[in-house]
Amino acid sequence: MANNSKTKFPGFPASLEKSYWQFPTIINGYVYSLSGAEFKVLWYILRHTFGWQKSSDKLSITQICSGVKKKDKTYLDKGTGLSRKWVMNTLTSLEKKGFIYMDKSSGKTTKISPNITGELNTPLPVEQNTPVAGVENTPTIDTFTKDITKEEHYTKKYNGKDATKYLQYKILISYLKEKRGISSLDGTVAQNNKYIFHLLKHRADNNVELVQKAIDRCNYKSFQKIYYNWNDIMTERTIKI
């Protein structure tokens, strides 16, 4: 039996001042779709991104399992308590469901970002300001509970680089949908976001108009196909689906 003296929750502080962090209330409409492990891992990722005013963080499987160790060898937190196998499977499922995006690079850590650039399916209707226990709840992160269209608002919330990236993604996703006359692209949200990133960085020299030109020259309905067929598209060969 577990030692309750070590695991029993001590209780919430009487005053929540400086004892909370920003949590996106849009999750309210999607909790039903998450398993217990998925919710724990997603919460942990959000805590290390939105909780520290960041749009992404480099985390290892060990850190998500057992916590982040500080330079003085003490732990910032104790992780999710899940096994490595559970964490790896859960990260994959969260990415497939569109909650996160993973940029796997060399080394022990993976850059993990909450999906703030994709267009998630519309959640079940949820009152954003539903009174609970007589207290009115206001969205903790306004940016993630409504459609953002003002560059200055997003630039203020994040640094200029992230604001520019967000707008580039929105422009290209909307442009491809409009050109194809479709409401959703082939592939997952995470996949399209990933290949927009690679298109801008490795193919188009961060030129949105050049990617739009490639869209005009082909009939593909995903940015992955545009990325892998870039040379053929830009040499004006006839590209079909």
C-alpha atoms as a PDB file:
ATOM      1  CA  MET A   1       0.000   0.000   0.000  1.00  0.00           C
ATOM      2  CA  ALA A   2       1.240   3.485  -0.808  1.00  0.00           C
ATOM      3  CA  ASN A   3       2.521   5.650   2.005  1.00  0.00           C
ATOM      4  CA  ASN A   4      -0.249   8.258   2.328  1.00  0.00           C
ATOM      5  CA  SER A   5       2.020  10.558   4.303  1.00  0.00           C
ATOM      6  CA  LYS A   6       4.006  11.067   1.094  1.00  0.00           C
ATOM      7  CA  THR A   7       1.222  11.040  -1.478  1.00  0.00           C
ATOM      8  CA  LYS A   8      -1.773  12.632   0.224  1.00  0.00           C
ATOM      9  CA  PHE A   9      -2.617  16.033  -1.212  1.00  0.00           C
ATOM     10  CA  PRO A  10      -2.125  18.758   1.464  1.00  0.00           C
ATOM     11  CA  GLY A  11      -4.939  20.988   0.192  1.00  0.00           C
ATOM     12  CA  PHE A  12      -5.229  24.193  -1.827  1.00  0.00           C
ATOM     13  CA  PRO A  13      -3.919  27.466  -0.358  1.00  0.00           C
ATOM     14  CA  ALA A  14      -6.464  29.825   1.173  1.00  0.00           C
ATOM     15  CA  SER A  15      -5.351  32.561  -1.233  1.00  0.00           C
ATOM     16  CA  LEU A  16      -4.733  31.738  -4.897  1.00  0.00           C
ATOM     17  CA  GLU A  17      -2.648  34.851  -5.489  1.00  0.00           C
ATOM     18  CA  LYS A  18       0.588  33.762  -7.215  1.00  0.00           C
ATOM     19  CA  SER A  19      -0.622  30.161  -6.897  1.00  0.00           C
ATOM     20  CA  TYR A  20      -2.110  29.638 -10.342  1.00  0.00           C
ATOM     21  CA  TRP A  21      -1.110  29.680 -13.990  1.00  0.00           C
ATOM     22  CA  GLN A  22      -2.915  30.375 -17.261  1.00  0.00           C
ATOM     23  CA  PHE A  23      -4.836  27.348 -18.497  1.00  0.00           C
ATOM     24  CA  PRO A  24      -6.732  27.476 -21.830  1.00  0.00           C
ATOM     25  CA  THR A  25     -10.431  26.996 -21.182  1.00  0.00           C
ATOM     26  CA  ILE A  26     -10.985  25.659 -24.699  1.00  0.00           C
ATOM     27  CA  ILE A  27      -9.894  22.313 -23.218  1.00  0.00           C
ATOM     28  CA  ASN A  28     -13.278  22.214 -21.421  1.00  0.00           C
ATOM     29  CA  GLY A  29     -14.894  21.173 -24.691  1.00  0.00           C
ATOM     30  CA  TYR A  30     -12.418  18.339 -25.297  1.00  0.00           C
ATOM     31  CA  VAL A  31     -11.831  16.677 -21.910  1.00  0.00           C
ATOM     32  CA  TYR A  32     -14.313  13.948 -22.842  1.00  0.00           C
ATOM     33  CA  SER A  33     -12.059  12.939 -25.742  1.00  0.00           C
ATOM     34  CA  LEU A  34      -8.950  12.471 -23.583  1.00  0.00           C
ATOM     35  CA  SER A  35      -7.910   9.400 -21.644  1.00  0.00           C
ATOM     36  CA  GLY A  36      -6.522   9.824 -18.127  1.00  0.00           C
ATOM     37  CA  ALA A  37      -2.947   9.476 -19.379  1.00  0.00           C
ATOM     38  CA  GLU A  38      -3.559  11.920 -22.237  1.00  0.00           C
ATOM     39  CA  PHE A  39      -4.967  14.531 -19.882  1.00  0.00           C
ATOM     40  CA  LYS A  40      -2.015  14.176 -17.485  1.00  0.00           C
ATOM     41  CA  VAL A  41       0.578  14.504 -20.240  1.00  0.00           C
ATOM     42  CA  LEU A  42      -1.268  17.381 -21.932  1.00  0.00           C
ATOM     43  CA  TRP A  43      -1.586  19.181 -18.589  1.00  0.00           C
ATOM     44  CA  TYR A  44       2.145  18.716 -18.001  1.00  0.00           C
ATOM     45  CA  ILE A  45       3.006  20.121 -21.438  1.00  0.00           C
ATOM     46  CA  LEU A  46       0.703  23.111 -20.977  1.00  0.00           C
ATOM     47  CA  ARG A  47       2.226  23.743 -17.544  1.00  0.00           C
ATOM     48  CA  HIS A  48       5.706  23.906 -19.080  1.00  0.00           C
ATOM     49  CA  THR A  49       4.623  26.094 -22.002  1.00  0.00           C
ATOM     50  CA  PHE A  50       1.682  28.390 -21.242  1.00  0.00           C
ATOM     51  CA  GLY A  51       2.552  28.163 -17.537  1.00  0.00           C
ATOM     52  CA  TRP A  52       5.920  29.771 -18.257  1.00  0.00           C
ATOM     53  CA  GLN A  53       4.629  32.143 -20.955  1.00  0.00           C
ATOM     54  CA  LYS A  54       6.231  30.029 -23.701  1.00  0.00           C
ATOM     55  CA  SER A  55       4.849  28.621 -26.941  1.00  0.00           C
ATOM     56  CA  SER A  56       7.034  25.481 -26.781  1.00  0.00           C
ATOM     57  CA  ASP A  57       9.466  23.629 -24.559  1.00  0.00           C
ATOM     58  CA  LYS A  58      12.104  20.934 -24.942  1.00  0.00           C
ATOM     59  CA  LEU A  59      11.158  17.978 -22.769  1.00  0.00           C
ATOM     60  CA  SER A  60      12.526  14.461 -22.469  1.00  0.00           C
ATOM     61  CA  ILE A  61      10.468  11.346 -21.858  1.00  0.00           C
ATOM     62  CA  THR A  62      12.180  11.001 -18.467  1.00  0.00           C
ATOM     63  CA  GLN A  63      11.171  14.529 -17.482  1.00  0.00           C
ATOM     64  CA  ILE A  64       7.539  13.944 -18.409  1.00  0.00           C
ATOM     65  CA  CYS A  65       7.614  10.681 -16.461  1.00  0.00           C
ATOM     66  CA  SER A  66       9.535  11.747 -13.354  1.00  0.00           C
ATOM     67  CA  GLY A  67       9.906  15.520 -13.400  1.00  0.00           C
ATOM     68  CA  VAL A  68      12.375  18.266 -14.303  1.00  0.00           C
ATOM     69  CA  LYS A  69      15.573  18.460 -12.282  1.00  0.00           C
ATOM     70  CA  LYS A  70      17.023  21.913 -11.636  1.00  0.00           C
ATOM     71  CA  LYS A  71      20.727  22.833 -11.679  1.00  0.00           C
ATOM     72  CA  ASP A  72      20.951  22.447  -7.896  1.00  0.00           C
ATOM     73  CA  LYS A  73      19.762  18.812  -8.302  1.00  0.00           C
ATOM     74  CA  THR A  74      16.359  19.517  -6.731  1.00  0.00           C
ATOM     75  CA  TYR A  75      13.192  18.827  -8.716  1.00  0.00           C
ATOM     76  CA  LEU A  76      10.982  21.532 -10.185  1.00  0.00           C
ATOM     77  CA  ASP A  77       8.144  18.970 -10.249  1.00  0.00           C
ATOM     78  CA  LYS A  78       7.670  15.216 -10.104  1.00  0.00           C
ATOM     79  CA  GLY A  79       6.298  14.660 -13.588  1.00  0.00           C
ATOM     80  CA  THR A  80       3.183  12.684 -14.473  1.00  0.00           C
ATOM     81  CA  GLY A  81       4.112   9.437 -12.733  1.00  0.00           C
ATOM     82  CA  LEU A  82       3.481   7.493 -15.950  1.00  0.00           C
ATOM     83  CA  SER A  83       5.842   4.891 -17.410  1.00  0.00           C
ATOM     84  CA  ARG A  84       8.039   5.650 -20.426  1.00  0.00           C
ATOM     85  CA  LYS A  85       5.890   3.406 -22.639  1.00  0.00           C
ATOM     86  CA  TRP A  86       2.700   5.184 -21.580  1.00  0.00           C
ATOM     87  CA  VAL A  87       4.242   8.618 -22.128  1.00  0.00           C
ATOM     88  CA  MET A  88       5.563   7.760 -25.602  1.00  0.00           C
ATOM     89  CA  ASN A  89       2.232   6.269 -26.699  1.00  0.00           C
ATOM     90  CA  THR A  90       0.336   9.200 -25.204  1.00  0.00           C
ATOM     91  CA  LEU A  91       2.473  11.828 -26.948  1.00  0.00           C
ATOM     92  CA  THR A  92       1.781  10.117 -30.255  1.00  0.00           C
ATOM     93  CA  SER A  93      -1.972  10.017 -29.632  1.00  0.00           C
ATOM     94  CA  LEU A  94      -2.056  13.676 -28.512  1.00  0.00           C
ATOM     95  CA  GLU A  95      -0.305  14.700 -31.731  1.00  0.00           C
ATOM     96  CA  LYS A  96      -2.709  12.631 -33.839  1.00  0.00           C
ATOM     97  CA  LYS A  97      -5.656  14.278 -32.093  1.00  0.00           C
ATOM     98  CA  GLY A  98      -4.264  17.725 -32.860  1.00  0.00           C
ATOM     99  CA  PHE A  99      -3.484  18.887 -29.314  1.00  0.00           C
ATOM    100  CA  ILE A 100       0.280  19.150 -29.703  1.00  0.00           C
ATOM    101  CA  TYR A 101       3.029  19.269 -32.316  1.00  0.00           C
ATOM    102  CA  MET A 102       6.387  17.496 -31.786  1.00  0.00           C
ATOM    103  CA  ASP A 103       9.614  18.501 -33.490  1.00  0.00           C
ATOM    104  CA  LYS A 104      11.927  15.571 -32.844  1.00  0.00           C
ATOM    105  CA  SER A 105      15.596  16.426 -33.114  1.00  0.00           C
ATOM    106  CA  SER A 106      18.819  14.779 -32.062  1.00  0.00           C
ATOM    107  CA  GLY A 107      19.479  14.322 -28.384  1.00  0.00           C
ATOM    108  CA  LYS A 108      17.301  13.267 -25.498  1.00  0.00           C
ATOM    109  CA  THR A 109      14.731  16.054 -25.684  1.00  0.00           C
ATOM    110  CA  THR A 110      11.861  16.753 -28.060  1.00  0.00           C
ATOM    111  CA  LYS A 111      10.545  20.245 -28.791  1.00  0.00           C
ATOM    112  CA  ILE A 112       6.853  20.082 -27.932  1.00  0.00           C
ATOM    113  CA  SER A 113       4.366  22.814 -28.777  1.00  0.00           C
ATOM    114  CA  PRO A 114       0.661  23.094 -27.986  1.00  0.00           C
ATOM    115  CA  ASN A 115      -1.257  23.315 -31.255  1.00  0.00           C
ATOM    116  CA  ILE A 116      -1.854  27.066 -31.386  1.00  0.00           C
ATOM    117  CA  THR A 117      -1.583  27.470 -35.154  1.00  0.00           C
ATOM    118  CA  GLY A 118      -3.898  24.740 -36.365  1.00  0.00           C
ATOM    119  CA  GLU A 119      -7.633  24.913 -36.780  1.00  0.00           C
ATOM    120  CA  LEU A 120      -9.137  22.355 -34.419  1.00  0.00           C
ATOM    121  CA  ASN A 121     -12.600  20.973 -35.020  1.00  0.00           C
ATOM    122  CA  THR A 122     -15.311  22.997 -33.323  1.00  0.00           C
ATOM    123  CA  PRO A 123     -15.756  21.718 -29.747  1.00  0.00           C
ATOM    124  CA  LEU A 124     -19.040  20.916 -28.085  1.00  0.00           C
ATOM    125  CA  PRO A 125     -20.848  24.093 -27.024  1.00  0.00           C
ATOM    126  CA  VAL A 126     -19.351  25.266 -23.734  1.00  0.00           C
ATOM    127  CA  GLU A 127     -20.252  28.395 -21.841  1.00  0.00           C
ATOM    128  CA  GLN A 128     -16.979  30.229 -21.347  1.00  0.00           C
ATOM    129  CA  ASN A 129     -18.249  32.224 -18.367  1.00  0.00           C
ATOM    130  CA  THR A 130     -20.374  29.665 -16.568  1.00  0.00           C
ATOM    131  CA  PRO A 131     -20.742  30.605 -12.875  1.00  0.00           C
ATOM    132  CA  VAL A 132     -19.323  27.961 -10.546  1.00  0.00           C
ATOM    133  CA  ALA A 133     -20.104  28.158  -6.853  1.00  0.00           C
ATOM    134  CA  GLY A 134     -21.300  31.711  -7.329  1.00  0.00           C
ATOM    135  CA  VAL A 135     -18.061  32.873  -8.939  1.00  0.00           C
ATOM    136  CA  GLU A 136     -17.887  33.966 -12.558  1.00  0.00           C
ATOM    137  CA  ASN A 137     -15.114  32.232 -14.472  1.00  0.00           C
ATOM    138  CA  THR A 138     -13.342  34.233 -17.152  1.00  0.00           C
ATOM    139  CA  PRO A 139     -11.129  32.632 -19.802  1.00  0.00           C
ATOM    140  CA  THR A 140      -7.537  32.378 -18.555  1.00  0.00           C
ATOM    141  CA  ILE A 141      -6.056  32.749 -22.036  1.00  0.00           C
ATOM    142  CA  ASP A 142      -8.316  34.815 -24.260  1.00  0.00           C
ATOM    143  CA  THR A 143      -6.083  34.109 -27.238  1.00  0.00           C
ATOM    144  CA  PHE A 144      -7.015  30.454 -27.264  1.00  0.00           C
ATOM    145  CA  THR A 145     -10.769  30.741 -26.756  1.00  0.00           C
ATOM    146  CA  LYS A 146     -11.556  32.816 -29.806  1.00  0.00           C
ATOM    147  CA  ASP A 147     -10.344  33.239 -33.359  1.00  0.00           C
ATOM    148  CA  ILE A 148      -7.397  35.630 -33.507  1.00  0.00           C
ATOM    149  CA  THR A 149      -7.334  37.993 -36.442  1.00  0.00           C
ATOM    150  CA  LYS A 150      -5.483  41.020 -35.087  1.00  0.00           C
ATOM    151  CA  GLU A 151      -1.723  40.933 -35.529  1.00  0.00           C
ATOM    152  CA  GLU A 152      -1.121  43.444 -32.755  1.00  0.00           C
ATOM    153  CA  HIS A 153      -3.019  41.322 -30.213  1.00  0.00           C
ATOM    154  CA  TYR A 154      -1.007  38.191 -31.008  1.00  0.00           C
ATOM    155  CA  THR A 155       2.258  40.135 -31.161  1.00  0.00           C
ATOM    156  CA  LYS A 156       1.556  41.492 -27.698  1.00  0.00           C
ATOM    157  CA  LYS A 157       0.792  38.022 -26.349  1.00  0.00           C
ATOM    158  CA  TYR A 158       3.908  36.459 -27.889  1.00  0.00           C
ATOM    159  CA  ASN A 159       7.149  37.724 -29.343  1.00  0.00           C
ATOM    160  CA  GLY A 160       7.262  39.079 -32.886  1.00  0.00           C
ATOM    161  CA  LYS A 161       8.728  35.893 -34.372  1.00  0.00           C
ATOM    162  CA  ASP A 162       5.882  33.696 -33.101  1.00  0.00           C
ATOM    163  CA  ALA A 163       3.266  36.245 -34.168  1.00  0.00           C
ATOM    164  CA  THR A 164       4.678  36.302 -37.701  1.00  0.00           C
ATOM    165  CA  LYS A 165       4.763  32.497 -37.850  1.00  0.00           C
ATOM    166  CA  TYR A 166       1.161  32.284 -36.663  1.00  0.00           C
ATOM    167  CA  LEU A 167      -0.027  34.673 -39.366  1.00  0.00           C
ATOM    168  CA  GLN A 168       1.972  32.871 -42.060  1.00  0.00           C
ATOM    169  CA  TYR A 169       0.362  29.556 -41.127  1.00  0.00           C
ATOM    170  CA  LYS A 170      -3.131  31.064 -41.079  1.00  0.00           C
ATOM    171  CA  ILE A 171      -2.621  32.752 -44.438  1.00  0.00           C
ATOM    172  CA  LEU A 172      -1.317  29.615 -46.155  1.00  0.00           C
ATOM    173  CA  ILE A 173      -3.914  27.247 -44.676  1.00  0.00           C
ATOM    174  CA  SER A 174      -6.757  29.584 -45.676  1.00  0.00           C
ATOM    175  CA  TYR A 175      -5.256  30.126 -49.132  1.00  0.00           C
ATOM    176  CA  LEU A 176      -4.961  26.388 -49.888  1.00  0.00           C
ATOM    177  CA  LYS A 177      -8.517  25.697 -48.667  1.00  0.00           C
ATOM    178  CA  GLU A 178      -9.900  28.557 -50.750  1.00  0.00           C
ATOM    179  CA  LYS A 179      -8.028  27.479 -53.887  1.00  0.00           C
ATOM    180  CA  ARG A 180      -9.222  23.876 -53.558  1.00  0.00           C
ATOM    181  CA  GLY A 181     -12.727  24.775 -52.404  1.00  0.00           C
ATOM    182  CA  ILE A 182     -12.454  22.547 -49.337  1.00  0.00           C
ATOM    183  CA  SER A 183     -13.088  22.978 -45.620  1.00  0.00           C
ATOM    184  CA  SER A 184     -10.260  20.712 -44.419  1.00  0.00           C
ATOM    185  CA  LEU A 185      -6.910  19.626 -45.804  1.00  0.00           C
ATOM    186  CA  ASP A 186      -5.601  16.121 -46.415  1.00  0.00           C
ATOM    187  CA  GLY A 187      -3.602  14.861 -43.454  1.00  0.00           C
ATOM    188  CA  THR A 188      -3.727  15.931 -39.834  1.00  0.00           C
ATOM    189  CA  VAL A 189      -3.464  19.488 -38.557  1.00  0.00           C
ATOM    190  CA  ALA A 190      -0.062  18.695 -37.038  1.00  0.00           C
ATOM    191  CA  GLN A 191       1.242  17.264 -40.319  1.00  0.00           C
ATOM    192  CA  ASN A 192       0.209  20.323 -42.333  1.00  0.00           C
ATOM    193  CA  ASN A 193       1.676  22.683 -39.731  1.00  0.00           C
ATOM    194  CA  LYS A 194       4.925  20.703 -39.821  1.00  0.00           C
ATOM    195  CA  TYR A 195       5.255  20.912 -43.590  1.00  0.00           C
ATOM    196  CA  ILE A 196       4.316  24.586 -43.730  1.00  0.00           C
ATOM    197  CA  PHE A 197       7.251  25.136 -41.385  1.00  0.00           C
ATOM    198  CA  HIS A 198       9.583  23.078 -43.579  1.00  0.00           C
ATOM    199  CA  LEU A 199       8.309  24.714 -46.776  1.00  0.00           C
ATOM    200  CA  LEU A 200       9.004  28.192 -45.465  1.00  0.00           C
ATOM    201  CA  LYS A 201      12.377  27.268 -43.994  1.00  0.00           C
ATOM    202  CA  HIS A 202      13.843  24.877 -46.568  1.00  0.00           C
ATOM    203  CA  ARG A 203      12.042  25.620 -49.837  1.00  0.00           C
ATOM    204  CA  ALA A 204      10.687  29.154 -49.991  1.00  0.00           C
ATOM    205  CA  ASP A 205      13.207  31.111 -47.900  1.00  0.00           C
ATOM    206  CA  ASN A 206      10.384  32.246 -45.602  1.00  0.00           C
ATOM    207  CA  ASN A 207       8.490  33.722 -48.568  1.00  0.00           C
ATOM    208  CA  VAL A 208       4.737  33.167 -48.149  1.00  0.00           C
ATOM    209  CA  GLU A 209       3.981  34.420 -51.667  1.00  0.00           C
ATOM    210  CA  LEU A 210       6.303  31.800 -53.150  1.00  0.00           C
ATOM    211  CA  VAL A 211       4.402  29.032 -51.346  1.00  0.00           C
ATOM    212  CA  GLN A 212       1.146  30.538 -52.615  1.00  0.00           C
ATOM    213  CA  LYS A 213       2.596  30.431 -56.132  1.00  0.00           C
ATOM    214  CA  ALA A 214       3.328  26.717 -55.654  1.00  0.00           C
ATOM    215  CA  ILE A 215      -0.266  26.182 -54.505  1.00  0.00           C
ATOM    216  CA  ASP A 216      -1.498  27.872 -57.687  1.00  0.00           C
ATOM    217  CA  ARG A 217       0.629  25.550 -59.832  1.00  0.00           C
ATOM    218  CA  CYS A 218      -0.610  22.224 -58.450  1.00  0.00           C
ATOM    219  CA  ASN A 219      -3.748  20.459 -57.261  1.00  0.00           C
ATOM    220  CA  TYR A 220      -2.439  19.000 -54.020  1.00  0.00           C
ATOM    221  CA  LYS A 221      -4.578  19.303 -50.893  1.00  0.00           C
ATOM    222  CA  SER A 222      -1.842  18.995 -48.273  1.00  0.00           C
ATOM    223  CA  PHE A 223       1.373  20.867 -47.584  1.00  0.00           C
ATOM    224  CA  GLN A 224       3.235  17.569 -47.206  1.00  0.00           C
ATOM    225  CA  LYS A 225       2.724  16.753 -50.901  1.00  0.00           C
ATOM    226  CA  ILE A 226       3.642  20.282 -51.915  1.00  0.00           C
ATOM    227  CA  TYR A 227       6.858  19.990 -49.899  1.00  0.00           C
ATOM    228  CA  TYR A 228       7.952  16.685 -51.423  1.00  0.00           C
ATOM    229  CA  ASN A 229       7.013  17.738 -54.976  1.00  0.00           C
ATOM    230  CA  TRP A 230       8.405  21.258 -54.719  1.00  0.00           C
ATOM    231  CA  ASN A 231      10.981  20.958 -57.489  1.00  0.00           C
ATOM    232  CA  ASP A 232       8.476  19.569 -59.980  1.00  0.00           C
ATOM    233  CA  ILE A 233       5.929  22.205 -59.059  1.00  0.00           C
ATOM    234  CA  MET A 234       8.339  25.116 -59.372  1.00  0.00           C
ATOM    235  CA  THR A 235       9.656  23.899 -62.736  1.00  0.00           C
ATOM    236  CA  GLU A 236       6.071  24.258 -63.957  1.00  0.00           C
ATOM    237  CA  ARG A 237       5.478  20.594 -64.658  1.00  0.00           C
ATOM    238  CA  THR A 238       1.818  19.564 -64.637  1.00  0.00           C
ATOM    239  CA  ILE A 239       1.035  18.252 -61.170  1.00  0.00           C
ATOM    240  CA  LYS A 240      -2.143  16.292 -60.484  1.00  0.00           C
ATOM    241  CA  ILE A 241      -3.542  14.841 -57.276  1.00  0.00           C
END
